């Protein structure tokens, strides 16, 4: 069995014990467990993770930083944790990135809003409107950058902080240049047309959004938060990294990226390192290893039938 996410991982491990079966279980970690278990309202989660992750046959993390975190937090031998980056369907992303975008700031199917050279550059963000993504910091940074040159900000996603972000944009005097159009079924078409994608998360897992933006050739700015962001951007080689919550640094990085960004083809090539086939092969290796170890163990443990036969 392969499970993913803390609740599912715990359910699988506990269910195996209750059922009394020997099904090998590989658990997949996609967030920094030390951070996720510390969130309010989860008083027993840390204890459960430390207790039950010890019983996993394999632990898979989608970034080296997350592997280090879970090994340290759950007191696991680091050698038991395998790092496999999330698989990204590069061909599908690029195909969909060519589709039309109806939003006037990015041209739309009929060139709405004038030619691209006449429109202000669009700063793009994608994600749920919740505290982890820290879009409030992004709005403040955008307001500072907006003082230096014409800009627009699009945030794709839904969530509890929608009203807060709109009020913040209004109070900073940039409401006319900030739009929250909600969930977008095809964010890749936006990424392909945006001037820069900005991720201001307080913490992340692997960060699919960054790889998707790179696959579309979109320059990126991201906070150097806990998780896999640094790995995806190769310590800043493929996008500027800034401090978490640092409004001024984010604004400066946005403006610098608009002036000088890595070639889009360089960004596309970076994304190709996170393709599907390599990830699938690694998952199969881990699962096959679990089965092999399980079979070896079972062969040394007499079954009920063999015990009866020997007694007879």
C-alpha atoms as a PDB file:
ATOM      1  CA  UNK A   1       0.000   0.000   0.000  1.00  0.00           C
ATOM      2  CA  UNK A   2       1.175   3.520  -0.834  1.00  0.00           C
ATOM      3  CA  UNK A   3      -0.434   6.287   1.219  1.00  0.00           C
ATOM      4  CA  UNK A   4       0.063  10.029   0.968  1.00  0.00           C
ATOM      5  CA  UNK A   5      -0.467  12.792   3.503  1.00  0.00           C
ATOM      6  CA  UNK A   6      -0.338  12.623   7.296  1.00  0.00           C
ATOM      7  CA  UNK A   7      -3.992  11.622   7.961  1.00  0.00           C
ATOM      8  CA  UNK A   8      -3.936   8.871   5.315  1.00  0.00           C
ATOM      9  CA  UNK A   9      -0.522   7.651   6.444  1.00  0.00           C
ATOM     10  CA  UNK A  10      -1.653   7.301  10.038  1.00  0.00           C
ATOM     11  CA  UNK A  11      -4.931   5.653   9.017  1.00  0.00           C
ATOM     12  CA  UNK A  12      -3.088   3.069   6.903  1.00  0.00           C
ATOM     13  CA  UNK A  13      -0.550   2.183   9.590  1.00  0.00           C
ATOM     14  CA  UNK A  14      -3.102   1.956  12.398  1.00  0.00           C
ATOM     15  CA  UNK A  15      -5.563  -0.004  10.235  1.00  0.00           C
ATOM     16  CA  UNK A  16      -2.885  -2.561   9.401  1.00  0.00           C
ATOM     17  CA  UNK A  17      -2.261  -3.164  13.094  1.00  0.00           C
ATOM     18  CA  UNK A  18      -5.981  -3.466  13.860  1.00  0.00           C
ATOM     19  CA  UNK A  19      -6.569  -5.830  10.925  1.00  0.00           C
ATOM     20  CA  UNK A  20      -3.650  -8.031  11.872  1.00  0.00           C
ATOM     21  CA  UNK A  21      -2.321  -8.238   8.300  1.00  0.00           C
ATOM     22  CA  UNK A  22       1.236  -7.900   6.958  1.00  0.00           C
ATOM     23  CA  UNK A  23       0.559  -5.635   3.971  1.00  0.00           C
ATOM     24  CA  UNK A  24       3.727  -3.567   3.377  1.00  0.00           C
ATOM     25  CA  UNK A  25       3.022   0.159   3.651  1.00  0.00           C
ATOM     26  CA  UNK A  26       5.045   2.992   2.143  1.00  0.00           C
ATOM     27  CA  UNK A  27       4.050   6.423   3.454  1.00  0.00           C
ATOM     28  CA  UNK A  28       4.568   9.564   1.406  1.00  0.00           C
ATOM     29  CA  UNK A  29       5.452  12.857   3.089  1.00  0.00           C
ATOM     30  CA  UNK A  30       4.598  16.024   1.150  1.00  0.00           C
ATOM     31  CA  UNK A  31       4.797  18.716   3.840  1.00  0.00           C
ATOM     32  CA  UNK A  32       7.277  19.520   6.631  1.00  0.00           C
ATOM     33  CA  UNK A  33       5.708  17.378   9.369  1.00  0.00           C
ATOM     34  CA  UNK A  34       7.333  19.412  12.125  1.00  0.00           C
ATOM     35  CA  UNK A  35       5.470  22.483  10.876  1.00  0.00           C
ATOM     36  CA  UNK A  36       2.194  20.809   9.915  1.00  0.00           C
ATOM     37  CA  UNK A  37       1.816  19.040  13.257  1.00  0.00           C
ATOM     38  CA  UNK A  38       2.421  22.287  15.135  1.00  0.00           C
ATOM     39  CA  UNK A  39      -0.642  24.006  13.651  1.00  0.00           C
ATOM     40  CA  UNK A  40      -3.387  24.957  16.147  1.00  0.00           C
ATOM     41  CA  UNK A  41      -6.071  22.359  16.756  1.00  0.00           C
ATOM     42  CA  UNK A  42      -3.763  19.345  16.337  1.00  0.00           C
ATOM     43  CA  UNK A  43      -2.584  18.597  19.887  1.00  0.00           C
ATOM     44  CA  UNK A  44      -2.026  14.837  19.410  1.00  0.00           C
ATOM     45  CA  UNK A  45      -0.821  14.747  15.811  1.00  0.00           C
ATOM     46  CA  UNK A  46       2.881  15.072  16.618  1.00  0.00           C
ATOM     47  CA  UNK A  47       2.695  12.186  19.092  1.00  0.00           C
ATOM     48  CA  UNK A  48       0.875   9.986  16.566  1.00  0.00           C
ATOM     49  CA  UNK A  49       3.423  10.702  13.825  1.00  0.00           C
ATOM     50  CA  UNK A  50       6.352   9.897  16.106  1.00  0.00           C
ATOM     51  CA  UNK A  51       4.675   6.686  17.251  1.00  0.00           C
ATOM     52  CA  UNK A  52       3.348   5.250  13.993  1.00  0.00           C
ATOM     53  CA  UNK A  53       5.832   6.358  11.322  1.00  0.00           C
ATOM     54  CA  UNK A  54       8.298   4.021  12.991  1.00  0.00           C
ATOM     55  CA  UNK A  55       6.202   1.122  11.657  1.00  0.00           C
ATOM     56  CA  UNK A  56       6.232   2.180   7.991  1.00  0.00           C
ATOM     57  CA  UNK A  57       8.059  -0.194   5.638  1.00  0.00           C
ATOM     58  CA  UNK A  58       9.273   2.793   3.640  1.00  0.00           C
ATOM     59  CA  UNK A  59       9.050   6.579   3.931  1.00  0.00           C
ATOM     60  CA  UNK A  60       9.059   8.696   0.778  1.00  0.00           C
ATOM     61  CA  UNK A  61       9.572  12.473   0.858  1.00  0.00           C
ATOM     62  CA  UNK A  62       9.120  14.680  -2.186  1.00  0.00           C
ATOM     63  CA  UNK A  63      12.104  16.886  -1.274  1.00  0.00           C
ATOM     64  CA  UNK A  64      15.372  16.325   0.568  1.00  0.00           C
ATOM     65  CA  UNK A  65      14.497  19.009   3.124  1.00  0.00           C
ATOM     66  CA  UNK A  66      11.250  17.180   3.916  1.00  0.00           C
ATOM     67  CA  UNK A  67      13.146  13.908   4.225  1.00  0.00           C
ATOM     68  CA  UNK A  68      15.513  15.478   6.735  1.00  0.00           C
ATOM     69  CA  UNK A  69      12.565  16.961   8.609  1.00  0.00           C
ATOM     70  CA  UNK A  70      10.555  13.736   8.949  1.00  0.00           C
ATOM     71  CA  UNK A  71      13.639  11.708   9.893  1.00  0.00           C
ATOM     72  CA  UNK A  72      14.528  14.191  12.635  1.00  0.00           C
ATOM     73  CA  UNK A  73      10.949  14.679  13.841  1.00  0.00           C
ATOM     74  CA  UNK A  74       9.902  11.009  13.886  1.00  0.00           C
ATOM     75  CA  UNK A  75      13.355   9.805  15.004  1.00  0.00           C
ATOM     76  CA  UNK A  76      13.861   7.673  11.884  1.00  0.00           C
ATOM     77  CA  UNK A  77      17.137   6.526  10.424  1.00  0.00           C
ATOM     78  CA  UNK A  78      17.655   8.972   7.514  1.00  0.00           C
ATOM     79  CA  UNK A  79      18.608   6.009   5.324  1.00  0.00           C
ATOM     80  CA  UNK A  80      15.017   4.776   5.606  1.00  0.00           C
ATOM     81  CA  UNK A  81      13.720   7.890   3.852  1.00  0.00           C
ATOM     82  CA  UNK A  82      13.767   7.999   0.044  1.00  0.00           C
ATOM     83  CA  UNK A  83      13.465  11.321  -1.787  1.00  0.00           C
ATOM     84  CA  UNK A  84      11.322  11.323  -4.946  1.00  0.00           C
ATOM     85  CA  UNK A  85      10.319  14.666  -6.452  1.00  0.00           C
ATOM     86  CA  UNK A  86       6.686  15.063  -7.461  1.00  0.00           C
ATOM     87  CA  UNK A  87       6.115  13.980 -11.074  1.00  0.00           C
ATOM     88  CA  UNK A  88       5.021  16.754 -13.431  1.00  0.00           C
ATOM     89  CA  UNK A  89       3.439  16.080 -16.836  1.00  0.00           C
ATOM     90  CA  UNK A  90       5.557  18.572 -18.758  1.00  0.00           C
ATOM     91  CA  UNK A  91       4.022  17.862 -22.186  1.00  0.00           C
ATOM     92  CA  UNK A  92       0.473  18.321 -20.909  1.00  0.00           C
ATOM     93  CA  UNK A  93       1.351  21.565 -19.123  1.00  0.00           C
ATOM     94  CA  UNK A  94       2.938  23.016 -22.236  1.00  0.00           C
ATOM     95  CA  UNK A  95       0.004  21.966 -24.404  1.00  0.00           C
ATOM     96  CA  UNK A  96      -2.497  23.608 -22.072  1.00  0.00           C
ATOM     97  CA  UNK A  97      -0.316  26.703 -21.701  1.00  0.00           C
ATOM     98  CA  UNK A  98      -1.107  27.519 -25.334  1.00  0.00           C
ATOM     99  CA  UNK A  99      -4.838  27.826 -24.672  1.00  0.00           C
ATOM    100  CA  UNK A 100      -6.553  31.213 -24.547  1.00  0.00           C
ATOM    101  CA  UNK A 101      -6.883  33.277 -21.382  1.00  0.00           C
ATOM    102  CA  UNK A 102     -10.069  35.290 -21.087  1.00  0.00           C
ATOM    103  CA  UNK A 103      -8.728  37.793 -18.553  1.00  0.00           C
ATOM    104  CA  UNK A 104      -8.215  41.215 -20.188  1.00  0.00           C
ATOM    105  CA  UNK A 105      -4.909  41.863 -18.382  1.00  0.00           C
ATOM    106  CA  UNK A 106      -3.349  38.972 -20.249  1.00  0.00           C
ATOM    107  CA  UNK A 107      -4.878  39.664 -23.625  1.00  0.00           C
ATOM    108  CA  UNK A 108      -7.771  37.225 -23.851  1.00  0.00           C
ATOM    109  CA  UNK A 109      -8.755  35.284 -26.950  1.00  0.00           C
ATOM    110  CA  UNK A 110      -9.292  38.415 -28.993  1.00  0.00           C
ATOM    111  CA  UNK A 111      -6.407  40.509 -27.717  1.00  0.00           C
ATOM    112  CA  UNK A 112      -8.527  42.294 -25.140  1.00  0.00           C
ATOM    113  CA  UNK A 113      -6.778  45.081 -23.340  1.00  0.00           C
ATOM    114  CA  UNK A 114      -4.433  46.050 -26.150  1.00  0.00           C
ATOM    115  CA  UNK A 115      -1.174  44.518 -27.297  1.00  0.00           C
ATOM    116  CA  UNK A 116       1.205  42.942 -24.777  1.00  0.00           C
ATOM    117  CA  UNK A 117       3.638  45.841 -25.220  1.00  0.00           C
ATOM    118  CA  UNK A 118       0.934  48.332 -24.166  1.00  0.00           C
ATOM    119  CA  UNK A 119      -0.226  46.458 -21.033  1.00  0.00           C
ATOM    120  CA  UNK A 120       1.512  46.691 -17.644  1.00  0.00           C
ATOM    121  CA  UNK A 121       3.395  43.509 -16.660  1.00  0.00           C
ATOM    122  CA  UNK A 122       1.301  41.016 -14.691  1.00  0.00           C
ATOM    123  CA  UNK A 123       2.586  39.540 -11.427  1.00  0.00           C
ATOM    124  CA  UNK A 124       0.913  36.148 -10.911  1.00  0.00           C
ATOM    125  CA  UNK A 125       0.325  34.010  -7.827  1.00  0.00           C
ATOM    126  CA  UNK A 126      -1.470  30.665  -7.645  1.00  0.00           C
ATOM    127  CA  UNK A 127      -2.751  28.880  -4.557  1.00  0.00           C
ATOM    128  CA  UNK A 128      -5.415  28.645  -1.882  1.00  0.00           C
ATOM    129  CA  UNK A 129      -6.150  31.922  -0.151  1.00  0.00           C
ATOM    130  CA  UNK A 130      -5.053  30.779   3.287  1.00  0.00           C
ATOM    131  CA  UNK A 131      -2.454  31.923   5.851  1.00  0.00           C
ATOM    132  CA  UNK A 132       0.202  29.397   4.751  1.00  0.00           C
ATOM    133  CA  UNK A 133       0.493  31.096   1.336  1.00  0.00           C
ATOM    134  CA  UNK A 134       0.883  34.539   2.954  1.00  0.00           C
ATOM    135  CA  UNK A 135      -0.638  36.439   0.055  1.00  0.00           C
ATOM    136  CA  UNK A 136      -1.063  39.438   2.356  1.00  0.00           C
ATOM    137  CA  UNK A 137       2.712  39.882   2.237  1.00  0.00           C
ATOM    138  CA  UNK A 138       2.544  39.605  -1.552  1.00  0.00           C
ATOM    139  CA  UNK A 139      -0.082  42.363  -1.776  1.00  0.00           C
ATOM    140  CA  UNK A 140       2.077  44.632   0.391  1.00  0.00           C
ATOM    141  CA  UNK A 141       5.172  43.862  -1.692  1.00  0.00           C
ATOM    142  CA  UNK A 142       3.215  44.489  -4.875  1.00  0.00           C
ATOM    143  CA  UNK A 143       2.082  47.868  -3.545  1.00  0.00           C
ATOM    144  CA  UNK A 144       5.724  48.835  -2.966  1.00  0.00           C
ATOM    145  CA  UNK A 145       6.822  47.632  -6.400  1.00  0.00           C
ATOM    146  CA  UNK A 146       3.828  49.392  -7.962  1.00  0.00           C
ATOM    147  CA  UNK A 147       5.237  52.693  -6.739  1.00  0.00           C
ATOM    148  CA  UNK A 148       8.254  52.178  -9.020  1.00  0.00           C
ATOM    149  CA  UNK A 149       6.466  51.191 -12.256  1.00  0.00           C
ATOM    150  CA  UNK A 150       3.040  50.209 -13.640  1.00  0.00           C
ATOM    151  CA  UNK A 151       2.159  46.651 -12.587  1.00  0.00           C
ATOM    152  CA  UNK A 152      -0.832  44.413 -12.079  1.00  0.00           C
ATOM    153  CA  UNK A 153      -1.345  41.508  -9.672  1.00  0.00           C
ATOM    154  CA  UNK A 154      -3.454  38.407 -10.370  1.00  0.00           C
ATOM    155  CA  UNK A 155      -3.985  35.844  -7.615  1.00  0.00           C
ATOM    156  CA  UNK A 156      -5.656  32.617  -8.783  1.00  0.00           C
ATOM    157  CA  UNK A 157      -7.401  30.574  -6.110  1.00  0.00           C
ATOM    158  CA  UNK A 158     -10.183  30.529  -3.538  1.00  0.00           C
ATOM    159  CA  UNK A 159     -10.098  30.540   0.239  1.00  0.00           C
ATOM    160  CA  UNK A 160     -10.884  32.110   3.553  1.00  0.00           C
ATOM    161  CA  UNK A 161      -8.686  35.194   3.098  1.00  0.00           C
ATOM    162  CA  UNK A 162     -10.307  36.558  -0.062  1.00  0.00           C
ATOM    163  CA  UNK A 163     -12.070  39.414   1.729  1.00  0.00           C
ATOM    164  CA  UNK A 164      -8.989  40.260   3.774  1.00  0.00           C
ATOM    165  CA  UNK A 165      -6.815  40.517   0.654  1.00  0.00           C
ATOM    166  CA  UNK A 166      -9.301  42.714  -1.189  1.00  0.00           C
ATOM    167  CA  UNK A 167      -9.581  45.053   1.797  1.00  0.00           C
ATOM    168  CA  UNK A 168      -5.806  45.184   2.097  1.00  0.00           C
ATOM    169  CA  UNK A 169      -5.414  46.102  -1.565  1.00  0.00           C
ATOM    170  CA  UNK A 170      -8.008  48.850  -1.092  1.00  0.00           C
ATOM    171  CA  UNK A 171      -6.246  50.249   1.976  1.00  0.00           C
ATOM    172  CA  UNK A 172      -2.915  50.315   0.104  1.00  0.00           C
ATOM    173  CA  UNK A 173      -4.440  52.148  -2.859  1.00  0.00           C
ATOM    174  CA  UNK A 174      -3.781  49.366  -5.394  1.00  0.00           C
ATOM    175  CA  UNK A 175      -7.239  47.775  -5.626  1.00  0.00           C
ATOM    176  CA  UNK A 176      -7.617  48.800  -9.275  1.00  0.00           C
ATOM    177  CA  UNK A 177      -4.479  46.821 -10.128  1.00  0.00           C
ATOM    178  CA  UNK A 178      -5.214  43.712  -8.034  1.00  0.00           C
ATOM    179  CA  UNK A 179      -7.588  40.982  -9.191  1.00  0.00           C
ATOM    180  CA  UNK A 180      -8.683  37.743  -7.531  1.00  0.00           C
ATOM    181  CA  UNK A 181     -10.630  35.950 -10.278  1.00  0.00           C
ATOM    182  CA  UNK A 182     -10.924  32.740  -8.259  1.00  0.00           C
ATOM    183  CA  UNK A 183     -10.066  29.188  -9.215  1.00  0.00           C
ATOM    184  CA  UNK A 184      -8.640  28.686 -12.706  1.00  0.00           C
ATOM    185  CA  UNK A 185      -8.986  25.254 -14.304  1.00  0.00           C
ATOM    186  CA  UNK A 186      -5.987  26.035 -16.498  1.00  0.00           C
ATOM    187  CA  UNK A 187      -3.446  28.137 -14.580  1.00  0.00           C
ATOM    188  CA  UNK A 188      -0.736  27.208 -17.097  1.00  0.00           C
ATOM    189  CA  UNK A 189      -2.126  29.553 -19.731  1.00  0.00           C
ATOM    190  CA  UNK A 190      -1.797  32.375 -17.175  1.00  0.00           C
ATOM    191  CA  UNK A 191       1.756  31.320 -16.295  1.00  0.00           C
ATOM    192  CA  UNK A 192       2.808  31.359 -19.939  1.00  0.00           C
ATOM    193  CA  UNK A 193       1.667  34.986 -20.266  1.00  0.00           C
ATOM    194  CA  UNK A 194       2.602  36.434 -16.869  1.00  0.00           C
ATOM    195  CA  UNK A 195       5.763  38.500 -16.435  1.00  0.00           C
ATOM    196  CA  UNK A 196       6.666  36.769 -13.151  1.00  0.00           C
ATOM    197  CA  UNK A 197       5.119  34.252 -10.771  1.00  0.00           C
ATOM    198  CA  UNK A 198       5.605  34.958  -7.066  1.00  0.00           C
ATOM    199  CA  UNK A 199       5.271  32.440  -4.231  1.00  0.00           C
ATOM    200  CA  UNK A 200       5.246  33.960  -0.748  1.00  0.00           C
ATOM    201  CA  UNK A 201       4.538  30.818   1.299  1.00  0.00           C
ATOM    202  CA  UNK A 202       5.501  30.517   4.955  1.00  0.00           C
ATOM    203  CA  UNK A 203       6.214  26.838   4.323  1.00  0.00           C
ATOM    204  CA  UNK A 204       5.819  24.459   1.396  1.00  0.00           C
ATOM    205  CA  UNK A 205       6.158  20.844   0.402  1.00  0.00           C
ATOM    206  CA  UNK A 206       7.610  20.224  -3.026  1.00  0.00           C
ATOM    207  CA  UNK A 207       5.854  23.234  -4.624  1.00  0.00           C
ATOM    208  CA  UNK A 208       4.322  21.966  -7.851  1.00  0.00           C
ATOM    209  CA  UNK A 209       3.386  25.532  -8.759  1.00  0.00           C
ATOM    210  CA  UNK A 210       7.010  26.565  -9.140  1.00  0.00           C
ATOM    211  CA  UNK A 211       7.838  23.641 -11.436  1.00  0.00           C
ATOM    212  CA  UNK A 212       4.686  24.272 -13.470  1.00  0.00           C
ATOM    213  CA  UNK A 213       5.668  27.923 -13.903  1.00  0.00           C
ATOM    214  CA  UNK A 214       9.178  26.911 -14.993  1.00  0.00           C
ATOM    215  CA  UNK A 215       7.670  24.448 -17.482  1.00  0.00           C
ATOM    216  CA  UNK A 216       5.754  27.371 -18.991  1.00  0.00           C
ATOM    217  CA  UNK A 217       8.929  29.469 -19.143  1.00  0.00           C
ATOM    218  CA  UNK A 218       7.632  31.895 -16.514  1.00  0.00           C
ATOM    219  CA  UNK A 219      10.265  33.609 -14.305  1.00  0.00           C
ATOM    220  CA  UNK A 220       9.693  33.086 -10.582  1.00  0.00           C
ATOM    221  CA  UNK A 221      10.341  34.701  -7.209  1.00  0.00           C
ATOM    222  CA  UNK A 222       9.837  32.621  -4.068  1.00  0.00           C
ATOM    223  CA  UNK A 223      10.328  32.771  -0.325  1.00  0.00           C
ATOM    224  CA  UNK A 224      13.123  30.549   0.936  1.00  0.00           C
ATOM    225  CA  UNK A 225      10.730  28.762   3.277  1.00  0.00           C
ATOM    226  CA  UNK A 226      10.956  25.295   4.811  1.00  0.00           C
ATOM    227  CA  UNK A 227      10.273  22.595   2.242  1.00  0.00           C
ATOM    228  CA  UNK A 228      11.487  21.954  -1.284  1.00  0.00           C
ATOM    229  CA  UNK A 229      11.531  25.460  -2.750  1.00  0.00           C
ATOM    230  CA  UNK A 230      15.288  25.843  -2.536  1.00  0.00           C
ATOM    231  CA  UNK A 231      15.765  22.494  -4.275  1.00  0.00           C
ATOM    232  CA  UNK A 232      13.415  23.331  -7.142  1.00  0.00           C
ATOM    233  CA  UNK A 233      15.190  26.638  -7.785  1.00  0.00           C
ATOM    234  CA  UNK A 234      18.680  25.190  -7.173  1.00  0.00           C
ATOM    235  CA  UNK A 235      19.465  27.719  -4.427  1.00  0.00           C
ATOM    236  CA  UNK A 236      18.418  30.671  -6.580  1.00  0.00           C
ATOM    237  CA  UNK A 237      19.860  29.622  -9.921  1.00  0.00           C
ATOM    238  CA  UNK A 238      16.430  29.397 -11.548  1.00  0.00           C
ATOM    239  CA  UNK A 239      14.603  32.087  -9.604  1.00  0.00           C
ATOM    240  CA  UNK A 240      15.203  34.660  -6.891  1.00  0.00           C
ATOM    241  CA  UNK A 241      14.819  33.474  -3.292  1.00  0.00           C
ATOM    242  CA  UNK A 242      13.843  35.928  -0.551  1.00  0.00           C
ATOM    243  CA  UNK A 243      13.127  35.824   3.165  1.00  0.00           C
ATOM    244  CA  UNK A 244       9.730  34.718   4.447  1.00  0.00           C
ATOM    245  CA  UNK A 245       7.541  37.732   5.154  1.00  0.00           C
ATOM    246  CA  UNK A 246      10.137  40.203   3.873  1.00  0.00           C
ATOM    247  CA  UNK A 247       7.972  42.723   2.011  1.00  0.00           C
ATOM    248  CA  UNK A 248      10.812  44.934   0.813  1.00  0.00           C
ATOM    249  CA  UNK A 249      12.918  41.996  -0.436  1.00  0.00           C
ATOM    250  CA  UNK A 250       9.973  40.548  -2.341  1.00  0.00           C
ATOM    251  CA  UNK A 251       9.210  43.898  -3.975  1.00  0.00           C
ATOM    252  CA  UNK A 252      12.872  44.314  -4.928  1.00  0.00           C
ATOM    253  CA  UNK A 253      13.031  40.776  -6.348  1.00  0.00           C
ATOM    254  CA  UNK A 254       9.906  41.355  -8.443  1.00  0.00           C
ATOM    255  CA  UNK A 255      11.355  44.514  -9.968  1.00  0.00           C
ATOM    256  CA  UNK A 256      14.749  42.887 -10.524  1.00  0.00           C
ATOM    257  CA  UNK A 257      13.147  39.891 -12.250  1.00  0.00           C
ATOM    258  CA  UNK A 258      11.153  42.161 -14.547  1.00  0.00           C
ATOM    259  CA  UNK A 259      14.430  43.817 -15.538  1.00  0.00           C
ATOM    260  CA  UNK A 260      16.585  40.694 -15.717  1.00  0.00           C
ATOM    261  CA  UNK A 261      15.263  37.122 -15.668  1.00  0.00           C
ATOM    262  CA  UNK A 262      16.790  33.796 -16.722  1.00  0.00           C
ATOM    263  CA  UNK A 263      16.058  32.893 -20.359  1.00  0.00           C
ATOM    264  CA  UNK A 264      12.670  31.214 -20.633  1.00  0.00           C
ATOM    265  CA  UNK A 265      14.197  28.219 -22.405  1.00  0.00           C
ATOM    266  CA  UNK A 266      16.565  27.724 -19.461  1.00  0.00           C
ATOM    267  CA  UNK A 267      13.577  27.627 -17.126  1.00  0.00           C
ATOM    268  CA  UNK A 268      11.776  25.113 -19.353  1.00  0.00           C
ATOM    269  CA  UNK A 269      14.795  22.810 -19.369  1.00  0.00           C
ATOM    270  CA  UNK A 270      14.957  22.943 -15.566  1.00  0.00           C
ATOM    271  CA  UNK A 271      11.348  21.731 -15.347  1.00  0.00           C
ATOM    272  CA  UNK A 272      12.130  18.732 -17.528  1.00  0.00           C
ATOM    273  CA  UNK A 273      14.141  17.268 -14.656  1.00  0.00           C
ATOM    274  CA  UNK A 274      10.855  16.656 -12.808  1.00  0.00           C
ATOM    275  CA  UNK A 275       9.142  14.519 -15.462  1.00  0.00           C
ATOM    276  CA  UNK A 276       6.830  11.580 -14.798  1.00  0.00           C
ATOM    277  CA  UNK A 277       8.933   8.640 -15.958  1.00  0.00           C
ATOM    278  CA  UNK A 278      11.837   9.136 -13.560  1.00  0.00           C
ATOM    279  CA  UNK A 279       9.469   9.464 -10.584  1.00  0.00           C
ATOM    280  CA  UNK A 280       7.484   6.361 -11.553  1.00  0.00           C
ATOM    281  CA  UNK A 281      10.650   4.279 -11.791  1.00  0.00           C
ATOM    282  CA  UNK A 282      11.749   5.404  -8.330  1.00  0.00           C
ATOM    283  CA  UNK A 283       8.342   4.637  -6.796  1.00  0.00           C
ATOM    284  CA  UNK A 284       8.415   1.160  -8.323  1.00  0.00           C
ATOM    285  CA  UNK A 285      11.878   0.572  -6.859  1.00  0.00           C
ATOM    286  CA  UNK A 286      10.707   1.515  -3.377  1.00  0.00           C
ATOM    287  CA  UNK A 287       7.509  -0.561  -3.542  1.00  0.00           C
ATOM    288  CA  UNK A 288       9.341  -3.563  -4.982  1.00  0.00           C
ATOM    289  CA  UNK A 289      11.830  -3.295  -2.128  1.00  0.00           C
ATOM    290  CA  UNK A 290       8.971  -3.335   0.395  1.00  0.00           C
ATOM    291  CA  UNK A 291       7.519  -6.476  -1.209  1.00  0.00           C
ATOM    292  CA  UNK A 292      10.882  -8.196  -1.314  1.00  0.00           C
ATOM    293  CA  UNK A 293      11.561  -7.539   2.351  1.00  0.00           C
ATOM    294  CA  UNK A 294       8.038  -8.610   3.264  1.00  0.00           C
ATOM    295  CA  UNK A 295       8.332 -11.864   1.308  1.00  0.00           C
ATOM    296  CA  UNK A 296      11.654 -12.587   2.948  1.00  0.00           C
ATOM    297  CA  UNK A 297      10.171 -12.036   6.392  1.00  0.00           C
ATOM    298  CA  UNK A 298       7.063 -14.132   5.635  1.00  0.00           C
ATOM    299  CA  UNK A 299       9.194 -17.046   4.435  1.00  0.00           C
ATOM    300  CA  UNK A 300      10.797 -17.225   7.863  1.00  0.00           C
ATOM    301  CA  UNK A 301       7.480 -17.110   9.751  1.00  0.00           C
ATOM    302  CA  UNK A 302       5.480 -20.404   9.769  1.00  0.00           C
ATOM    303  CA  UNK A 303       1.946 -20.004   8.480  1.00  0.00           C
ATOM    304  CA  UNK A 304      -1.030 -21.460  10.284  1.00  0.00           C
ATOM    305  CA  UNK A 305      -1.284 -24.253   7.684  1.00  0.00           C
ATOM    306  CA  UNK A 306       2.409 -25.224   7.951  1.00  0.00           C
ATOM    307  CA  UNK A 307       2.190 -25.238  11.726  1.00  0.00           C
ATOM    308  CA  UNK A 308      -0.803 -27.592  11.605  1.00  0.00           C
ATOM    309  CA  UNK A 309       0.961 -29.893   9.159  1.00  0.00           C
ATOM    310  CA  UNK A 310       4.098 -30.142  11.291  1.00  0.00           C
ATOM    311  CA  UNK A 311       2.025 -30.902  14.366  1.00  0.00           C
ATOM    312  CA  UNK A 312       0.152 -33.642  12.542  1.00  0.00           C
END
